Amino acid sequence: MHTNDAAKLRQYIEKIENLEVEKNDLQEHISDVYGQAKGDGFDPKIMRKIVRLKRMKTEDREAEDLLLDSYMLALGLIPTDGGNGESGS
């Protein structure tokens, strides 16, 4: 490897290492915010899901919801009510 290439590689590695440190710092800050929200009575697990869903495209989110409902229905986790809004008891 040429000296110039080795220097470039070293710069890339150092830049990645610095970004990894920044990423870890940001993750700690994010965790702190979730902790504060939990202290105020919010559910961090649900909040994380909302953040993930908000990043999704609408059509991807709708497709995921449809598939989830289909699976839950197939497993009997969603009662079938014949469309009248009442459960069949």
N, C-alpha and C. Protein backbone atom coordinates (compact mmCIF):
# COMPACT_ATOMS: atom_id res chain seq x y z
N MET A 1 0.85 -1.17 0.00
CA MET A 1 0.00 0.00 0.00
C MET A 1 0.90 1.23 0.00
N HIS A 2 0.55 2.20 -0.83
CA HIS A 2 1.32 3.44 -0.90
C HIS A 2 1.14 4.25 0.37
N THR A 3 2.11 5.09 0.65
CA THR A 3 2.07 5.93 1.84
C THR A 3 0.83 6.81 1.85
N ASN A 4 0.49 7.37 0.69
CA ASN A 4 -0.69 8.22 0.59
C ASN A 4 -1.96 7.43 0.89
N ASP A 5 -2.05 6.20 0.37
CA ASP A 5 -3.21 5.35 0.62
C ASP A 5 -3.31 4.99 2.10
N ALA A 6 -2.19 4.70 2.71
CA ALA A 6 -2.19 4.36 4.14
C ALA A 6 -2.66 5.55 4.98
N ALA A 7 -2.25 6.74 4.60
CA ALA A 7 -2.67 7.95 5.31
C ALA A 7 -4.17 8.18 5.16
N LYS A 8 -4.67 7.97 3.94
CA LYS A 8 -6.12 8.10 3.70
C LYS A 8 -6.90 7.09 4.52
N LEU A 9 -6.42 5.87 4.52
CA LEU A 9 -7.08 4.81 5.29
C LEU A 9 -7.11 5.18 6.78
N ARG A 10 -5.99 5.65 7.29
CA ARG A 10 -5.90 6.06 8.70
C ARG A 10 -6.91 7.16 8.99
N GLN A 11 -7.05 8.13 8.08
CA GLN A 11 -8.01 9.22 8.27
C GLN A 11 -9.44 8.69 8.29
N TYR A 12 -9.75 7.77 7.39
CA TYR A 12 -11.09 7.18 7.38
C TYR A 12 -11.38 6.44 8.69
N ILE A 13 -10.42 5.65 9.13
CA ILE A 13 -10.60 4.89 10.37
C ILE A 13 -10.80 5.83 11.55
N GLU A 14 -10.00 6.89 11.64
CA GLU A 14 -10.14 7.85 12.73
C GLU A 14 -11.49 8.56 12.67
N LYS A 15 -11.93 8.90 11.48
CA LYS A 15 -13.22 9.56 11.33
C LYS A 15 -14.35 8.64 11.78
N ILE A 16 -14.28 7.37 11.38
CA ILE A 16 -15.29 6.39 11.79
C ILE A 16 -15.28 6.22 13.30
N GLU A 17 -14.10 6.13 13.89
CA GLU A 17 -14.01 5.99 15.34
C GLU A 17 -14.63 7.19 16.06
N ASN A 18 -14.36 8.39 15.56
CA ASN A 18 -14.94 9.59 16.16
C ASN A 18 -16.46 9.61 16.03
N LEU A 19 -16.95 9.20 14.87
CA LEU A 19 -18.40 9.14 14.66
C LEU A 19 -19.05 8.09 15.57
N GLU A 20 -18.37 6.98 15.80
CA GLU A 20 -18.89 5.95 16.70
C GLU A 20 -19.01 6.49 18.12
N VAL A 21 -18.04 7.29 18.55
CA VAL A 21 -18.10 7.91 19.88
C VAL A 21 -19.29 8.86 19.94
N GLU A 22 -19.46 9.68 18.90
CA GLU A 22 -20.59 10.61 18.85
C GLU A 22 -21.91 9.84 18.86
N LYS A 23 -21.96 8.73 18.12
CA LYS A 23 -23.18 7.92 18.06
C LYS A 23 -23.51 7.38 19.45
N ASN A 24 -22.50 6.91 20.17
CA ASN A 24 -22.73 6.40 21.52
C ASN A 24 -23.22 7.50 22.45
N ASP A 25 -22.65 8.69 22.32
CA ASP A 25 -23.09 9.83 23.14
C ASP A 25 -24.54 10.16 22.84
N LEU A 26 -24.90 10.19 21.55
CA LEU A 26 -26.29 10.47 21.16
C LEU A 26 -27.24 9.40 21.69
N GLN A 27 -26.82 8.14 21.64
CA GLN A 27 -27.66 7.06 22.14
C GLN A 27 -27.89 7.22 23.64
N GLU A 28 -26.89 7.65 24.36
CA GLU A 28 -27.05 7.90 25.80
C GLU A 28 -28.05 9.02 26.04
N HIS A 29 -27.98 10.08 25.24
CA HIS A 29 -28.92 11.19 25.37
C HIS A 29 -30.36 10.73 25.06
N ILE A 30 -30.49 9.93 24.02
CA ILE A 30 -31.81 9.42 23.66
C ILE A 30 -32.37 8.56 24.80
N SER A 31 -31.53 7.71 25.37
CA SER A 31 -31.96 6.88 26.49
C SER A 31 -32.38 7.73 27.68
N ASP A 32 -31.65 8.82 27.92
CA ASP A 32 -32.02 9.75 29.00
C ASP A 32 -33.40 10.34 28.77
N VAL A 33 -33.70 10.72 27.53
CA VAL A 33 -35.00 11.30 27.21
C VAL A 33 -36.10 10.26 27.43
N TYR A 34 -35.88 9.02 27.00
CA TYR A 34 -36.87 7.97 27.25
C TYR A 34 -37.05 7.76 28.75
N GLY A 35 -35.97 7.83 29.50
CA GLY A 35 -36.06 7.70 30.95
C GLY A 35 -36.88 8.82 31.58
N GLN A 36 -36.68 10.03 31.10
CA GLN A 36 -37.46 11.17 31.59
C GLN A 36 -38.94 10.99 31.25
N ALA A 37 -39.20 10.53 30.04
CA ALA A 37 -40.59 10.31 29.62
C ALA A 37 -41.23 9.23 30.49
N LYS A 38 -40.47 8.18 30.79
CA LYS A 38 -40.99 7.12 31.65
C LYS A 38 -41.32 7.68 33.03
N GLY A 39 -40.47 8.56 33.54
CA GLY A 39 -40.71 9.19 34.83
C GLY A 39 -41.98 10.03 34.82
N ASP A 40 -42.37 10.51 33.65
CA ASP A 40 -43.59 11.30 33.51
C ASP A 40 -44.81 10.42 33.18
N GLY A 41 -44.60 9.09 33.20
CA GLY A 41 -45.73 8.18 33.01
C GLY A 41 -45.92 7.65 31.60
N PHE A 42 -45.02 7.98 30.69
CA PHE A 42 -45.15 7.46 29.32
C PHE A 42 -44.43 6.13 29.20
N ASP A 43 -44.84 5.32 28.23
CA ASP A 43 -44.26 4.01 28.01
C ASP A 43 -43.18 4.10 26.92
N PRO A 44 -41.91 3.98 27.31
CA PRO A 44 -40.82 4.10 26.33
C PRO A 44 -40.90 3.08 25.19
N LYS A 45 -41.38 1.88 25.48
CA LYS A 45 -41.49 0.85 24.43
C LYS A 45 -42.44 1.33 23.33
N ILE A 46 -43.57 1.89 23.73
CA ILE A 46 -44.54 2.38 22.76
C ILE A 46 -43.99 3.61 22.05
N MET A 47 -43.30 4.46 22.78
CA MET A 47 -42.70 5.66 22.17
C MET A 47 -41.69 5.26 21.09
N ARG A 48 -40.86 4.25 21.37
CA ARG A 48 -39.88 3.77 20.38
C ARG A 48 -40.60 3.27 19.13
N LYS A 49 -41.72 2.56 19.35
CA LYS A 49 -42.48 2.05 18.21
C LYS A 49 -43.04 3.21 17.38
N ILE A 50 -43.54 4.24 18.05
CA ILE A 50 -44.08 5.39 17.33
C ILE A 50 -42.98 6.08 16.52
N VAL A 51 -41.81 6.24 17.12
CA VAL A 51 -40.69 6.87 16.40
C VAL A 51 -40.35 6.05 15.16
N ARG A 52 -40.33 4.72 15.31
CA ARG A 52 -40.04 3.85 14.16
C ARG A 52 -41.12 3.98 13.09
N LEU A 53 -42.38 4.00 13.52
CA LEU A 53 -43.48 4.10 12.55
C LEU A 53 -43.48 5.44 11.83
N LYS A 54 -43.13 6.51 12.54
CA LYS A 54 -43.11 7.83 11.91
C LYS A 54 -42.04 7.93 10.83
N ARG A 55 -40.97 7.13 10.95
CA ARG A 55 -39.91 7.16 9.94
C ARG A 55 -40.30 6.40 8.68
N MET A 56 -41.33 5.56 8.80
CA MET A 56 -41.74 4.74 7.66
C MET A 56 -42.58 5.55 6.69
N LYS A 57 -42.55 5.15 5.44
CA LYS A 57 -43.46 5.71 4.44
C LYS A 57 -44.87 5.24 4.78
N THR A 58 -45.84 6.07 4.47
CA THR A 58 -47.23 5.75 4.78
C THR A 58 -47.64 4.41 4.19
N GLU A 59 -47.29 4.17 2.94
CA GLU A 59 -47.71 2.92 2.30
C GLU A 59 -47.03 1.71 2.94
N ASP A 60 -45.79 1.86 3.40
CA ASP A 60 -45.10 0.76 4.09
C ASP A 60 -45.75 0.48 5.44
N ARG A 61 -46.10 1.55 6.14
CA ARG A 61 -46.75 1.41 7.45
C ARG A 61 -48.12 0.73 7.29
N GLU A 62 -48.88 1.16 6.27
CA GLU A 62 -50.19 0.56 6.04
C GLU A 62 -50.07 -0.92 5.67
N ALA A 63 -49.07 -1.25 4.85
CA ALA A 63 -48.86 -2.65 4.47
C ALA A 63 -48.48 -3.48 5.69
N GLU A 64 -47.64 -2.93 6.55
CA GLU A 64 -47.25 -3.64 7.77
C GLU A 64 -48.46 -3.85 8.68
N ASP A 65 -49.29 -2.82 8.84
CA ASP A 65 -50.49 -2.93 9.67
C ASP A 65 -51.44 -4.00 9.13
N LEU A 66 -51.62 -4.03 7.82
CA LEU A 66 -52.50 -5.01 7.20
C LEU A 66 -51.98 -6.43 7.42
N LEU A 67 -50.69 -6.61 7.24
CA LEU A 67 -50.08 -7.92 7.43
C LEU A 67 -50.17 -8.35 8.90
N LEU A 68 -49.91 -7.43 9.81
CA LEU A 68 -50.00 -7.72 11.24
C LEU A 68 -51.43 -8.14 11.60
N ASP A 69 -52.42 -7.39 11.11
CA ASP A 69 -53.82 -7.74 11.37
C ASP A 69 -54.15 -9.11 10.80
N SER A 70 -53.67 -9.41 9.61
CA SER A 70 -53.93 -10.72 8.99
C SER A 70 -53.35 -11.85 9.84
N TYR A 71 -52.14 -11.69 10.30
CA TYR A 71 -51.49 -12.71 11.13
C TYR A 71 -52.23 -12.86 12.46
N MET A 72 -52.60 -11.73 13.08
CA MET A 72 -53.29 -11.79 14.37
C MET A 72 -54.66 -12.45 14.21
N LEU A 73 -55.35 -12.15 13.12
CA LEU A 73 -56.64 -12.77 12.84
C LEU A 73 -56.48 -14.27 12.66
N ALA A 74 -55.47 -14.67 11.91
CA ALA A 74 -55.22 -16.09 11.66
C ALA A 74 -54.89 -16.84 12.95
N LEU A 75 -54.28 -16.15 13.91
CA LEU A 75 -53.92 -16.79 15.17
C LEU A 75 -55.00 -16.66 16.23
N GLY A 76 -56.12 -16.03 15.88
CA GLY A 76 -57.22 -15.88 16.82
C GLY A 76 -56.99 -14.79 17.85
N LEU A 77 -56.06 -13.89 17.58
CA LEU A 77 -55.79 -12.80 18.51
C LEU A 77 -56.72 -11.62 18.30
N ILE A 78 -57.43 -11.62 17.17
CA ILE A 78 -58.45 -10.61 16.89
C ILE A 78 -59.74 -11.38 16.71
N PRO A 79 -60.75 -11.09 17.54
CA PRO A 79 -62.01 -11.82 17.40
C PRO A 79 -62.72 -11.48 16.10
N THR A 80 -63.31 -12.49 15.50
CA THR A 80 -64.13 -12.24 14.29
C THR A 80 -65.54 -11.96 14.78
N ASP A 81 -66.09 -10.82 14.31
CA ASP A 81 -67.41 -10.41 14.81
C ASP A 81 -68.43 -10.32 13.70
N GLY A 82 -68.10 -10.76 12.53
CA GLY A 82 -69.04 -10.73 11.43
C GLY A 82 -69.34 -9.32 10.93
N GLY A 83 -68.53 -8.35 11.36
CA GLY A 83 -68.69 -6.99 10.87
C GLY A 83 -69.71 -6.16 11.62
N ASN A 84 -70.32 -6.70 12.71
CA ASN A 84 -71.33 -5.92 13.42
C ASN A 84 -70.79 -5.24 14.67
N GLY A 85 -69.51 -5.40 14.94
CA GLY A 85 -68.90 -4.72 16.07
C GLY A 85 -69.07 -5.42 17.39
N GLU A 86 -69.78 -6.56 17.41
CA GLU A 86 -69.99 -7.30 18.65
C GLU A 86 -69.20 -8.59 18.57
N SER A 87 -68.66 -9.00 19.71
CA SER A 87 -67.94 -10.27 19.74
C SER A 87 -68.94 -11.41 19.85
N GLY A 88 -68.60 -12.54 19.31
CA GLY A 88 -69.51 -13.68 19.31
C GLY A 88 -69.42 -14.48 20.59
N SER A 89 -70.10 -14.03 21.68
CA SER A 89 -70.07 -14.79 22.93
C SER A 89 -71.34 -15.54 23.16
